Amino acid sequence: MRKFTSALVATLILGASASPVLAVEAKAPAAAPAPAAAKARHYTTADTEIGTLLDDPEAKAIIAKNIPGMVENEQIEMARGMTLQAIKNYAPDDVTDARLAAIDAELAKLK
């Protein structure tokens, strides 16, 4: 009976372009993610999704303070994947540049 080398097994499983290096890299364990508590919050109205802001009680309170009625509006759930900057075009009377600047200033103070 013929012995199979790791290179031959990788070629059989992964195809002719496989190399032993690829086979070894595929088996390497992934690095553990940093604990959630160690991650710093850095939210902005331009880059942070509304859903992320709503899931953080302090950030949610900042939005509620600066844009009254927004967090209670049942339609906000449809915008969870958007940013506050992005919805400015849909609600220009409520989501103004001045309000977004105020929210950004308060978000920057979160630790």
PDB file of N, CA and C in Angstrom:
ATOM      1  N   MET A   1       0.836  -1.172   0.000  1.00  0.00           N
ATOM      2  CA  MET A   1       0.000   0.000   0.000  1.00  0.00           C
ATOM      3  C   MET A   1       0.886   1.241   0.000  1.00  0.00           C
ATOM      4  N   ARG A   2       0.426   2.289  -0.639  1.00  0.00           N
ATOM      5  CA  ARG A   2       1.197   3.506  -0.816  1.00  0.00           C
ATOM      6  C   ARG A   2       0.899   4.495   0.315  1.00  0.00           C
ATOM      7  N   LYS A   3       1.928   5.126   0.837  1.00  0.00           N
ATOM      8  CA  LYS A   3       1.750   6.134   1.877  1.00  0.00           C
ATOM      9  C   LYS A   3       1.419   7.468   1.230  1.00  0.00           C
ATOM     10  N   PHE A   4       0.466   8.179   1.842  1.00  0.00           N
ATOM     11  CA  PHE A   4       0.098   9.497   1.346  1.00  0.00           C
ATOM     12  C   PHE A   4       0.827  10.553   2.157  1.00  0.00           C
ATOM     13  N   THR A   5       1.443  11.478   1.473  1.00  0.00           N
ATOM     14  CA  THR A   5       2.087  12.603   2.149  1.00  0.00           C
ATOM     15  C   THR A   5       1.065  13.714   2.307  1.00  0.00           C
ATOM     16  N   SER A   6       1.361  14.652   3.169  1.00  0.00           N
ATOM     17  CA  SER A   6       0.428  15.763   3.375  1.00  0.00           C
ATOM     18  C   SER A   6       0.260  16.577   2.100  1.00  0.00           C
ATOM     19  N   ALA A   7       1.302  16.681   1.287  1.00  0.00           N
ATOM     20  CA  ALA A   7       1.207  17.417   0.024  1.00  0.00           C
ATOM     21  C   ALA A   7       0.273  16.703  -0.936  1.00  0.00           C
ATOM     22  N   LEU A   8       0.353  15.379  -0.995  1.00  0.00           N
ATOM     23  CA  LEU A   8      -0.509  14.613  -1.883  1.00  0.00           C
ATOM     24  C   LEU A   8      -1.961  14.689  -1.413  1.00  0.00           C
ATOM     25  N   VAL A   9      -2.172  14.584  -0.120  1.00  0.00           N
ATOM     26  CA  VAL A   9      -3.529  14.684   0.424  1.00  0.00           C
ATOM     27  C   VAL A   9      -4.101  16.071   0.133  1.00  0.00           C
ATOM     28  N   ALA A  10      -3.306  17.105   0.325  1.00  0.00           N
ATOM     29  CA  ALA A  10      -3.765  18.467   0.046  1.00  0.00           C
ATOM     30  C   ALA A  10      -4.113  18.621  -1.421  1.00  0.00           C
ATOM     31  N   THR A  11      -3.309  18.021  -2.303  1.00  0.00           N
ATOM     32  CA  THR A  11      -3.580  18.101  -3.731  1.00  0.00           C
ATOM     33  C   THR A  11      -4.870  17.371  -4.071  1.00  0.00           C
ATOM     34  N   LEU A  12      -5.099  16.222  -3.459  1.00  0.00           N
ATOM     35  CA  LEU A  12      -6.320  15.472  -3.718  1.00  0.00           C
ATOM     36  C   LEU A  12      -7.557  16.217  -3.231  1.00  0.00           C
ATOM     37  N   ILE A  13      -7.455  16.832  -2.059  1.00  0.00           N
ATOM     38  CA  ILE A  13      -8.600  17.510  -1.462  1.00  0.00           C
ATOM     39  C   ILE A  13      -8.808  18.898  -2.065  1.00  0.00           C
ATOM     40  N   LEU A  14      -7.736  19.651  -2.194  1.00  0.00           N
ATOM     41  CA  LEU A  14      -7.840  21.049  -2.606  1.00  0.00           C
ATOM     42  C   LEU A  14      -7.643  21.268  -4.092  1.00  0.00           C
ATOM     43  N   GLY A  15      -7.170  20.282  -4.816  1.00  0.00           N
ATOM     44  CA  GLY A  15      -6.949  20.435  -6.249  1.00  0.00           C
ATOM     45  C   GLY A  15      -5.473  20.529  -6.574  1.00  0.00           C
ATOM     46  N   ALA A  16      -5.184  20.542  -7.844  1.00  0.00           N
ATOM     47  CA  ALA A  16      -3.803  20.499  -8.314  1.00  0.00           C
ATOM     48  C   ALA A  16      -2.997  21.720  -7.916  1.00  0.00           C
ATOM     49  N   SER A  17      -3.645  22.838  -7.666  1.00  0.00           N
ATOM     50  CA  SER A  17      -2.899  24.056  -7.331  1.00  0.00           C
ATOM     51  C   SER A  17      -2.521  24.136  -5.863  1.00  0.00           C
ATOM     52  N   ALA A  18      -2.940  23.154  -5.070  1.00  0.00           N
ATOM     53  CA  ALA A  18      -2.647  23.197  -3.634  1.00  0.00           C
ATOM     54  C   ALA A  18      -1.176  22.940  -3.381  1.00  0.00           C
ATOM     55  N   SER A  19      -0.687  23.519  -2.329  1.00  0.00           N
ATOM     56  CA  SER A  19       0.695  23.297  -1.932  1.00  0.00           C
ATOM     57  C   SER A  19       0.709  22.928  -0.456  1.00  0.00           C
ATOM     58  N   PRO A  20       1.775  22.296   0.021  1.00  0.00           N
ATOM     59  CA  PRO A  20       1.854  21.958   1.445  1.00  0.00           C
ATOM     60  C   PRO A  20       1.728  23.183   2.340  1.00  0.00           C
ATOM     61  N   VAL A  21       2.229  24.327   1.878  1.00  0.00           N
ATOM     62  CA  VAL A  21       2.144  25.541   2.673  1.00  0.00           C
ATOM     63  C   VAL A  21       0.677  25.925   2.878  1.00  0.00           C
ATOM     64  N   LEU A  22      -0.128  25.838   1.815  1.00  0.00           N
ATOM     65  CA  LEU A  22      -1.544  26.153   1.941  1.00  0.00           C
ATOM     66  C   LEU A  22      -2.234  25.200   2.903  1.00  0.00           C
ATOM     67  N   ALA A  23      -1.869  23.932   2.835  1.00  0.00           N
ATOM     68  CA  ALA A  23      -2.492  22.950   3.718  1.00  0.00           C
ATOM     69  C   ALA A  23      -2.170  23.250   5.172  1.00  0.00           C
ATOM     70  N   VAL A  24      -0.939  23.645   5.445  1.00  0.00           N
ATOM     71  CA  VAL A  24      -0.533  23.969   6.811  1.00  0.00           C
ATOM     72  C   VAL A  24      -1.224  25.245   7.272  1.00  0.00           C
ATOM     73  N   GLU A  25      -1.300  26.251   6.394  1.00  0.00           N
ATOM     74  CA  GLU A  25      -1.951  27.503   6.766  1.00  0.00           C
ATOM     75  C   GLU A  25      -3.435  27.293   7.055  1.00  0.00           C
ATOM     76  N   ALA A  26      -4.059  26.401   6.335  1.00  0.00           N
ATOM     77  CA  ALA A  26      -5.480  26.154   6.548  1.00  0.00           C
ATOM     78  C   ALA A  26      -5.743  25.522   7.909  1.00  0.00           C
ATOM     79  N   LYS A  27      -4.761  24.809   8.454  1.00  0.00           N
ATOM     80  CA  LYS A  27      -4.936  24.136   9.733  1.00  0.00           C
ATOM     81  C   LYS A  27      -4.580  25.029  10.916  1.00  0.00           C
ATOM     82  N   ALA A  28      -3.920  26.146  10.663  1.00  0.00           N
ATOM     83  CA  ALA A  28      -3.501  27.024  11.760  1.00  0.00           C
ATOM     84  C   ALA A  28      -4.732  27.602  12.455  1.00  0.00           C
ATOM     85  N   PRO A  29      -4.745  27.605  13.798  1.00  0.00           N
ATOM     86  CA  PRO A  29      -5.902  28.146  14.523  1.00  0.00           C
ATOM     87  C   PRO A  29      -5.988  29.659  14.354  1.00  0.00           C
ATOM     88  N   ALA A  30      -7.193  30.149  14.326  1.00  0.00           N
ATOM     89  CA  ALA A  30      -7.414  31.587  14.215  1.00  0.00           C
ATOM     90  C   ALA A  30      -7.092  32.250  15.544  1.00  0.00           C
ATOM     91  N   ALA A  31      -6.631  33.481  15.464  1.00  0.00           N
ATOM     92  CA  ALA A  31      -6.331  34.236  16.679  1.00  0.00           C
ATOM     93  C   ALA A  31      -7.632  34.529  17.412  1.00  0.00           C
ATOM     94  N   ALA A  32      -7.576  34.482  18.707  1.00  0.00           N
ATOM     95  CA  ALA A  32      -8.763  34.753  19.523  1.00  0.00           C
ATOM     96  C   ALA A  32      -9.104  36.241  19.446  1.00  0.00           C
ATOM     97  N   PRO A  33     -10.387  36.571  19.295  1.00  0.00           N
ATOM     98  CA  PRO A  33     -10.765  37.984  19.257  1.00  0.00           C
ATOM     99  C   PRO A  33     -10.567  38.633  20.622  1.00  0.00           C
ATOM    100  N   ALA A  34     -10.347  39.942  20.587  1.00  0.00           N
ATOM    101  CA  ALA A  34     -10.167  40.683  21.839  1.00  0.00           C
ATOM    102  C   ALA A  34     -11.476  40.665  22.615  1.00  0.00           C
ATOM    103  N   PRO A  35     -11.406  40.592  23.932  1.00  0.00           N
ATOM    104  CA  PRO A  35     -12.629  40.629  24.734  1.00  0.00           C
ATOM    105  C   PRO A  35     -13.403  41.910  24.466  1.00  0.00           C
ATOM    106  N   ALA A  36     -14.719  41.814  24.525  1.00  0.00           N
ATOM    107  CA  ALA A  36     -15.569  42.971  24.231  1.00  0.00           C
ATOM    108  C   ALA A  36     -15.265  44.140  25.159  1.00  0.00           C
ATOM    109  N   ALA A  37     -14.943  43.844  26.393  1.00  0.00           N
ATOM    110  CA  ALA A  37     -14.674  44.917  27.354  1.00  0.00           C
ATOM    111  C   ALA A  37     -13.403  45.679  27.003  1.00  0.00           C
ATOM    112  N   ALA A  38     -12.474  45.030  26.289  1.00  0.00           N
ATOM    113  CA  ALA A  38     -11.211  45.673  25.963  1.00  0.00           C
ATOM    114  C   ALA A  38     -11.327  46.580  24.740  1.00  0.00           C
ATOM    115  N   LYS A  39     -12.387  46.412  23.965  1.00  0.00           N
ATOM    116  CA  LYS A  39     -12.555  47.229  22.774  1.00  0.00           C
ATOM    117  C   LYS A  39     -13.042  48.614  23.158  1.00  0.00           C
ATOM    118  N   ALA A  40     -12.404  49.617  22.597  1.00  0.00           N
ATOM    119  CA  ALA A  40     -12.804  50.990  22.871  1.00  0.00           C
ATOM    120  C   ALA A  40     -13.968  51.360  21.962  1.00  0.00           C
ATOM    121  N   ARG A  41     -14.900  52.133  22.490  1.00  0.00           N
ATOM    122  CA  ARG A  41     -16.010  52.623  21.676  1.00  0.00           C
ATOM    123  C   ARG A  41     -15.544  53.873  20.957  1.00  0.00           C
ATOM    124  N   HIS A  42     -15.729  53.885  19.689  1.00  0.00           N
ATOM    125  CA  HIS A  42     -15.462  55.089  18.911  1.00  0.00           C
ATOM    126  C   HIS A  42     -16.557  55.176  17.863  1.00  0.00           C
ATOM    127  N   TYR A  43     -17.618  55.843  18.228  1.00  0.00           N
ATOM    128  CA  TYR A  43     -18.770  55.960  17.362  1.00  0.00           C
ATOM    129  C   TYR A  43     -18.762  57.314  16.666  1.00  0.00           C
ATOM    130  N   THR A  44     -19.245  57.330  15.436  1.00  0.00           N
ATOM    131  CA  THR A  44     -19.474  58.582  14.724  1.00  0.00           C
ATOM    132  C   THR A  44     -20.783  58.457  13.953  1.00  0.00           C
ATOM    133  N   THR A  45     -21.383  59.591  13.666  1.00  0.00           N
ATOM    134  CA  THR A  45     -22.629  59.571  12.904  1.00  0.00           C
ATOM    135  C   THR A  45     -22.385  59.213  11.448  1.00  0.00           C
ATOM    136  N   ALA A  46     -21.159  59.344  10.993  1.00  0.00           N
ATOM    137  CA  ALA A  46     -20.838  59.035   9.596  1.00  0.00           C
ATOM    138  C   ALA A  46     -20.481  57.575   9.381  1.00  0.00           C
ATOM    139  N   ASP A  47     -19.890  56.926  10.386  1.00  0.00           N
ATOM    140  CA  ASP A  47     -19.358  55.580  10.186  1.00  0.00           C
ATOM    141  C   ASP A  47     -20.038  54.473  10.985  1.00  0.00           C
ATOM    142  N   THR A  48     -20.746  54.804  12.033  1.00  0.00           N
ATOM    143  CA  THR A  48     -21.337  53.790  12.899  1.00  0.00           C
ATOM    144  C   THR A  48     -22.793  53.556  12.516  1.00  0.00           C
ATOM    145  N   GLU A  49     -23.145  52.293  12.339  1.00  0.00           N
ATOM    146  CA  GLU A  49     -24.520  51.968  11.987  1.00  0.00           C
ATOM    147  C   GLU A  49     -25.472  52.317  13.133  1.00  0.00           C
ATOM    148  N   ILE A  50     -26.657  52.713  12.776  1.00  0.00           N
ATOM    149  CA  ILE A  50     -27.663  53.084  13.765  1.00  0.00           C
ATOM    150  C   ILE A  50     -27.940  51.927  14.715  1.00  0.00           C
ATOM    151  N   GLY A  51     -27.957  50.712  14.198  1.00  0.00           N
ATOM    152  CA  GLY A  51     -28.202  49.549  15.044  1.00  0.00           C
ATOM    153  C   GLY A  51     -27.182  49.428  16.160  1.00  0.00           C
ATOM    154  N   THR A  52     -25.923  49.702  15.855  1.00  0.00           N
ATOM    155  CA  THR A  52     -24.867  49.662  16.863  1.00  0.00           C
ATOM    156  C   THR A  52     -25.105  50.733  17.917  1.00  0.00           C
ATOM    157  N   LEU A  53     -25.492  51.907  17.480  1.00  0.00           N
ATOM    158  CA  LEU A  53     -25.757  53.000  18.425  1.00  0.00           C
ATOM    159  C   LEU A  53     -26.959  52.683  19.305  1.00  0.00           C
ATOM    160  N   LEU A  54     -27.983  52.099  18.713  1.00  0.00           N
ATOM    161  CA  LEU A  54     -29.181  51.766  19.488  1.00  0.00           C
ATOM    162  C   LEU A  54     -28.925  50.647  20.490  1.00  0.00           C
ATOM    163  N   ASP A  55     -27.994  49.772  20.185  1.00  0.00           N
ATOM    164  CA  ASP A  55     -27.684  48.662  21.084  1.00  0.00           C
ATOM    165  C   ASP A  55     -26.836  49.082  22.280  1.00  0.00           C
ATOM    166  N   ASP A  56     -26.255  50.264  22.223  1.00  0.00           N
ATOM    167  CA  ASP A  56     -25.464  50.806  23.329  1.00  0.00           C
ATOM    168  C   ASP A  56     -26.355  51.812  24.070  1.00  0.00           C
ATOM    169  N   PRO A  57     -26.724  51.522  25.307  1.00  0.00           N
ATOM    170  CA  PRO A  57     -27.652  52.413  26.034  1.00  0.00           C
ATOM    171  C   PRO A  57     -27.194  53.867  26.116  1.00  0.00           C
ATOM    172  N   GLU A  58     -25.899  54.096  26.277  1.00  0.00           N
ATOM    173  CA  GLU A  58     -25.417  55.484  26.365  1.00  0.00           C
ATOM    174  C   GLU A  58     -25.526  56.199  25.023  1.00  0.00           C
ATOM    175  N   ALA A  59     -25.168  55.512  23.956  1.00  0.00           N
ATOM    176  CA  ALA A  59     -25.263  56.110  22.623  1.00  0.00           C
ATOM    177  C   ALA A  59     -26.727  56.341  22.256  1.00  0.00           C
ATOM    178  N   LYS A  60     -27.573  55.411  22.612  1.00  0.00           N
ATOM    179  CA  LYS A  60     -29.009  55.541  22.343  1.00  0.00           C
ATOM    180  C   LYS A  60     -29.568  56.769  23.053  1.00  0.00           C
ATOM    181  N   ALA A  61     -29.141  56.985  24.290  1.00  0.00           N
ATOM    182  CA  ALA A  61     -29.601  58.153  25.052  1.00  0.00           C
ATOM    183  C   ALA A  61     -29.150  59.453  24.388  1.00  0.00           C
ATOM    184  N   ILE A  62     -27.965  59.442  23.813  1.00  0.00           N
ATOM    185  CA  ILE A  62     -27.454  60.634  23.121  1.00  0.00           C
ATOM    186  C   ILE A  62     -28.323  60.944  21.901  1.00  0.00           C
ATOM    187  N   ILE A  63     -28.683  59.918  21.157  1.00  0.00           N
ATOM    188  CA  ILE A  63     -29.549  60.127  19.995  1.00  0.00           C
ATOM    189  C   ILE A  63     -30.915  60.633  20.447  1.00  0.00           C
ATOM    190  N   ALA A  64     -31.468  60.000  21.461  1.00  0.00           N
ATOM    191  CA  ALA A  64     -32.791  60.394  21.960  1.00  0.00           C
ATOM    192  C   ALA A  64     -32.796  61.850  22.424  1.00  0.00           C
ATOM    193  N   LYS A  65     -31.721  62.276  23.041  1.00  0.00           N
ATOM    194  CA  LYS A  65     -31.617  63.651  23.535  1.00  0.00           C
ATOM    195  C   LYS A  65     -31.554  64.652  22.379  1.00  0.00           C
ATOM    196  N   ASN A  66     -30.790  64.318  21.349  1.00  0.00           N
ATOM    197  CA  ASN A  66     -30.549  65.260  20.257  1.00  0.00           C
ATOM    198  C   ASN A  66     -31.558  65.196  19.118  1.00  0.00           C
ATOM    199  N   ILE A  67     -32.198  64.058  18.946  1.00  0.00           N
ATOM    200  CA  ILE A  67     -33.230  63.920  17.910  1.00  0.00           C
ATOM    201  C   ILE A  67     -34.463  63.303  18.569  1.00  0.00           C
ATOM    202  N   PRO A  68     -35.248  64.131  19.244  1.00  0.00           N
ATOM    203  CA  PRO A  68     -36.416  63.627  19.976  1.00  0.00           C
ATOM    204  C   PRO A  68     -37.354  62.816  19.077  1.00  0.00           C
ATOM    205  N   GLY A  69     -37.780  61.676  19.606  1.00  0.00           N
ATOM    206  CA  GLY A  69     -38.717  60.826  18.906  1.00  0.00           C
ATOM    207  C   GLY A  69     -38.098  59.786  17.992  1.00  0.00           C
ATOM    208  N   MET A  70     -36.834  59.928  17.682  1.00  0.00           N
ATOM    209  CA  MET A  70     -36.219  59.007  16.721  1.00  0.00           C
ATOM    210  C   MET A  70     -36.122  57.582  17.256  1.00  0.00           C
ATOM    211  N   VAL A  71     -35.625  57.397  18.458  1.00  0.00           N
ATOM    212  CA  VAL A  71     -35.412  56.035  18.958  1.00  0.00           C
ATOM    213  C   VAL A  71     -36.730  55.341  19.282  1.00  0.00           C
ATOM    214  N   GLU A  72     -37.793  56.111  19.497  1.00  0.00           N
ATOM    215  CA  GLU A  72     -39.091  55.517  19.773  1.00  0.00           C
ATOM    216  C   GLU A  72     -39.859  55.174  18.495  1.00  0.00           C
ATOM    217  N   ASN A  73     -39.452  55.742  17.379  1.00  0.00           N
ATOM    218  CA  ASN A  73     -40.138  55.527  16.109  1.00  0.00           C
ATOM    219  C   ASN A  73     -39.951  54.073  15.674  1.00  0.00           C
ATOM    220  N   GLU A  74     -41.059  53.390  15.404  1.00  0.00           N
ATOM    221  CA  GLU A  74     -40.969  51.973  15.036  1.00  0.00           C
ATOM    222  C   GLU A  74     -40.252  51.761  13.704  1.00  0.00           C
ATOM    223  N   GLN A  75     -40.158  52.768  12.865  1.00  0.00           N
ATOM    224  CA  GLN A  75     -39.472  52.636  11.588  1.00  0.00           C
ATOM    225  C   GLN A  75     -37.953  52.658  11.728  1.00  0.00           C
ATOM    226  N   ILE A  76     -37.447  53.021  12.900  1.00  0.00           N
ATOM    227  CA  ILE A  76     -35.993  53.082  13.094  1.00  0.00           C
ATOM    228  C   ILE A  76     -35.355  51.708  12.897  1.00  0.00           C
ATOM    229  N   GLU A  77     -36.100  50.655  13.158  1.00  0.00           N
ATOM    230  CA  GLU A  77     -35.564  49.296  12.983  1.00  0.00           C
ATOM    231  C   GLU A  77     -35.182  49.035  11.534  1.00  0.00           C
ATOM    232  N   MET A  78     -35.874  49.655  10.597  1.00  0.00           N
ATOM    233  CA  MET A  78     -35.555  49.471   9.177  1.00  0.00           C
ATOM    234  C   MET A  78     -34.250  50.159   8.801  1.00  0.00           C
ATOM    235  N   ALA A  79     -33.789  51.074   9.638  1.00  0.00           N
ATOM    236  CA  ALA A  79     -32.580  51.838   9.331  1.00  0.00           C
ATOM    237  C   ALA A  79     -31.370  51.368  10.130  1.00  0.00           C
ATOM    238  N   ARG A  80     -31.460  50.240  10.807  1.00  0.00           N
ATOM    239  CA  ARG A  80     -30.366  49.767  11.668  1.00  0.00           C
ATOM    240  C   ARG A  80     -29.046  49.611  10.907  1.00  0.00           C
ATOM    241  N   GLY A  81     -29.082  49.291   9.645  1.00  0.00           N
ATOM    242  CA  GLY A  81     -27.858  49.102   8.865  1.00  0.00           C
ATOM    243  C   GLY A  81     -27.329  50.374   8.228  1.00  0.00           C
ATOM    244  N   MET A  82     -27.995  51.490   8.460  1.00  0.00           N
ATOM    245  CA  MET A  82     -27.577  52.772   7.890  1.00  0.00           C
ATOM    246  C   MET A  82     -26.912  53.623   8.976  1.00  0.00           C
ATOM    247  N   THR A  83     -26.263  54.674   8.556  1.00  0.00           N
ATOM    248  CA  THR A  83     -25.694  55.628   9.510  1.00  0.00           C
ATOM    249  C   THR A  83     -26.639  56.821   9.647  1.00  0.00           C
ATOM    250  N   LEU A  84     -26.448  57.585  10.709  1.00  0.00           N
ATOM    251  CA  LEU A  84     -27.249  58.792  10.877  1.00  0.00           C
ATOM    252  C   LEU A  84     -27.001  59.771   9.731  1.00  0.00           C
ATOM    253  N   GLN A  85     -25.767  59.857   9.270  1.00  0.00           N
ATOM    254  CA  GLN A  85     -25.452  60.725   8.131  1.00  0.00           C
ATOM    255  C   GLN A  85     -26.244  60.302   6.896  1.00  0.00           C
ATOM    256  N   ALA A  86     -26.367  58.991   6.701  1.00  0.00           N
ATOM    257  CA  ALA A  86     -27.064  58.480   5.519  1.00  0.00           C
ATOM    258  C   ALA A  86     -28.553  58.785   5.556  1.00  0.00           C
ATOM    259  N   ILE A  87     -29.156  58.802   6.745  1.00  0.00           N
ATOM    260  CA  ILE A  87     -30.604  59.056   6.791  1.00  0.00           C
ATOM    261  C   ILE A  87     -30.924  60.544   6.831  1.00  0.00           C
ATOM    262  N   LYS A  88     -29.891  61.355   6.877  1.00  0.00           N
ATOM    263  CA  LYS A  88     -30.100  62.807   6.867  1.00  0.00           C
ATOM    264  C   LYS A  88     -30.920  63.226   5.645  1.00  0.00           C
ATOM    265  N   ASN A  89     -30.705  62.595   4.517  1.00  0.00           N
ATOM    266  CA  ASN A  89     -31.433  62.937   3.297  1.00  0.00           C
ATOM    267  C   ASN A  89     -32.916  62.579   3.375  1.00  0.00           C
ATOM    268  N   TYR A  90     -33.251  61.591   4.210  1.00  0.00           N
ATOM    269  CA  TYR A  90     -34.634  61.150   4.333  1.00  0.00           C
ATOM    270  C   TYR A  90     -35.413  61.941   5.391  1.00  0.00           C
ATOM    271  N   ALA A  91     -34.713  62.551   6.317  1.00  0.00           N
ATOM    272  CA  ALA A  91     -35.366  63.319   7.384  1.00  0.00           C
ATOM    273  C   ALA A  91     -34.593  64.608   7.636  1.00  0.00           C
ATOM    274  N   PRO A  92     -34.485  65.484   6.626  1.00  0.00           N
ATOM    275  CA  PRO A  92     -33.638  66.680   6.758  1.00  0.00           C
ATOM    276  C   PRO A  92     -34.086  67.663   7.836  1.00  0.00           C
ATOM    277  N   ASP A  93     -35.372  67.639   8.193  1.00  0.00           N
ATOM    278  CA  ASP A  93     -35.846  68.554   9.237  1.00  0.00           C
ATOM    279  C   ASP A  93     -35.440  68.085  10.632  1.00  0.00           C
ATOM    280  N   ASP A  94     -35.311  66.785  10.805  1.00  0.00           N
ATOM    281  CA  ASP A  94     -34.965  66.221  12.109  1.00  0.00           C
ATOM    282  C   ASP A  94     -33.472  65.918  12.245  1.00  0.00           C
ATOM    283  N   VAL A  95     -32.875  65.412  11.191  1.00  0.00           N
ATOM    284  CA  VAL A  95     -31.464  65.022  11.221  1.00  0.00           C
ATOM    285  C   VAL A  95     -30.671  66.111  10.503  1.00  0.00           C
ATOM    286  N   THR A  96     -30.306  67.124  11.259  1.00  0.00           N
ATOM    287  CA  THR A  96     -29.597  68.281  10.698  1.00  0.00           C
ATOM    288  C   THR A  96     -28.100  68.166  10.965  1.00  0.00           C
ATOM    289  N   ASP A  97     -27.331  68.953  10.236  1.00  0.00           N
ATOM    290  CA  ASP A  97     -25.880  68.973  10.460  1.00  0.00           C
ATOM    291  C   ASP A  97     -25.553  69.393  11.893  1.00  0.00           C
ATOM    292  N   ALA A  98     -26.301  70.347  12.423  1.00  0.00           N
ATOM    293  CA  ALA A  98     -26.051  70.811  13.794  1.00  0.00           C
ATOM    294  C   ALA A  98     -26.310  69.694  14.801  1.00  0.00           C
ATOM    295  N   ARG A  99     -27.381  68.950  14.609  1.00  0.00           N
ATOM    296  CA  ARG A  99     -27.690  67.848  15.525  1.00  0.00           C
ATOM    297  C   ARG A  99     -26.658  66.723  15.398  1.00  0.00           C
ATOM    298  N   LEU A 100     -26.247  66.436  14.179  1.00  0.00           N
ATOM    299  CA  LEU A 100     -25.232  65.390  13.988  1.00  0.00           C
ATOM    300  C   LEU A 100     -23.915  65.794  14.632  1.00  0.00           C
ATOM    301  N   ALA A 101     -23.552  67.073  14.523  1.00  0.00           N
ATOM    302  CA  ALA A 101     -22.323  67.556  15.158  1.00  0.00           C
ATOM    303  C   ALA A 101     -22.422  67.424  16.680  1.00  0.00           C
ATOM    304  N   ALA A 102     -23.587  67.735  17.231  1.00  0.00           N
ATOM    305  CA  ALA A 102     -23.783  67.613  18.682  1.00  0.00           C
ATOM    306  C   ALA A 102     -23.691  66.147  19.111  1.00  0.00           C
ATOM    307  N   ILE A 103     -24.287  65.264  18.320  1.00  0.00           N
ATOM    308  CA  ILE A 103     -24.215  63.837  18.633  1.00  0.00           C
ATOM    309  C   ILE A 103     -22.772  63.342  18.553  1.00  0.00           C
ATOM    310  N   ASP A 104     -22.059  63.744  17.508  1.00  0.00           N
ATOM    311  CA  ASP A 104     -20.647  63.336  17.381  1.00  0.00           C
ATOM    312  C   ASP A 104     -19.823  63.813  18.572  1.00  0.00           C
ATOM    313  N   ALA A 105     -20.061  65.031  19.019  1.00  0.00           N
ATOM    314  CA  ALA A 105     -19.316  65.583  20.154  1.00  0.00           C
ATOM    315  C   ALA A 105     -19.571  64.748  21.420  1.00  0.00           C
ATOM    316  N   GLU A 106     -20.818  64.349  21.632  1.00  0.00           N
ATOM    317  CA  GLU A 106     -21.143  63.565  22.816  1.00  0.00           C
ATOM    318  C   GLU A 106     -20.645  62.120  22.676  1.00  0.00           C
ATOM    319  N   LEU A 107     -20.737  61.559  21.477  1.00  0.00           N
ATOM    320  CA  LEU A 107     -20.238  60.192  21.263  1.00  0.00           C
ATOM    321  C   LEU A 107     -18.731  60.111  21.507  1.00  0.00           C
ATOM    322  N   ALA A 108     -18.030  61.176  21.148  1.00  0.00           N
ATOM    323  CA  ALA A 108     -16.571  61.200  21.328  1.00  0.00           C
ATOM    324  C   ALA A 108     -16.177  61.156  22.811  1.00  0.00           C
ATOM    325  N   LYS A 109     -17.062  61.554  23.680  1.00  0.00           N
ATOM    326  CA  LYS A 109     -16.782  61.559  25.113  1.00  0.00           C
ATOM    327  C   LYS A 109     -17.015  60.197  25.773  1.00  0.00           C
ATOM    328  N   LEU A 110     -17.688  59.279  25.077  1.00  0.00           N
ATOM    329  CA  LEU A 110     -17.942  57.962  25.655  1.00  0.00           C
ATOM    330  C   LEU A 110     -16.639  57.202  25.836  1.00  0.00           C
ATOM    331  N   LYS A 111     -16.536  56.498  26.942  1.00  0.00           N
ATOM    332  CA  LYS A 111     -15.327  55.707  27.206  1.00  0.00           C
ATOM    333  C   LYS A 111     -15.624  54.253  27.053  1.00  0.00           C
TER     334      LYS A 111
END
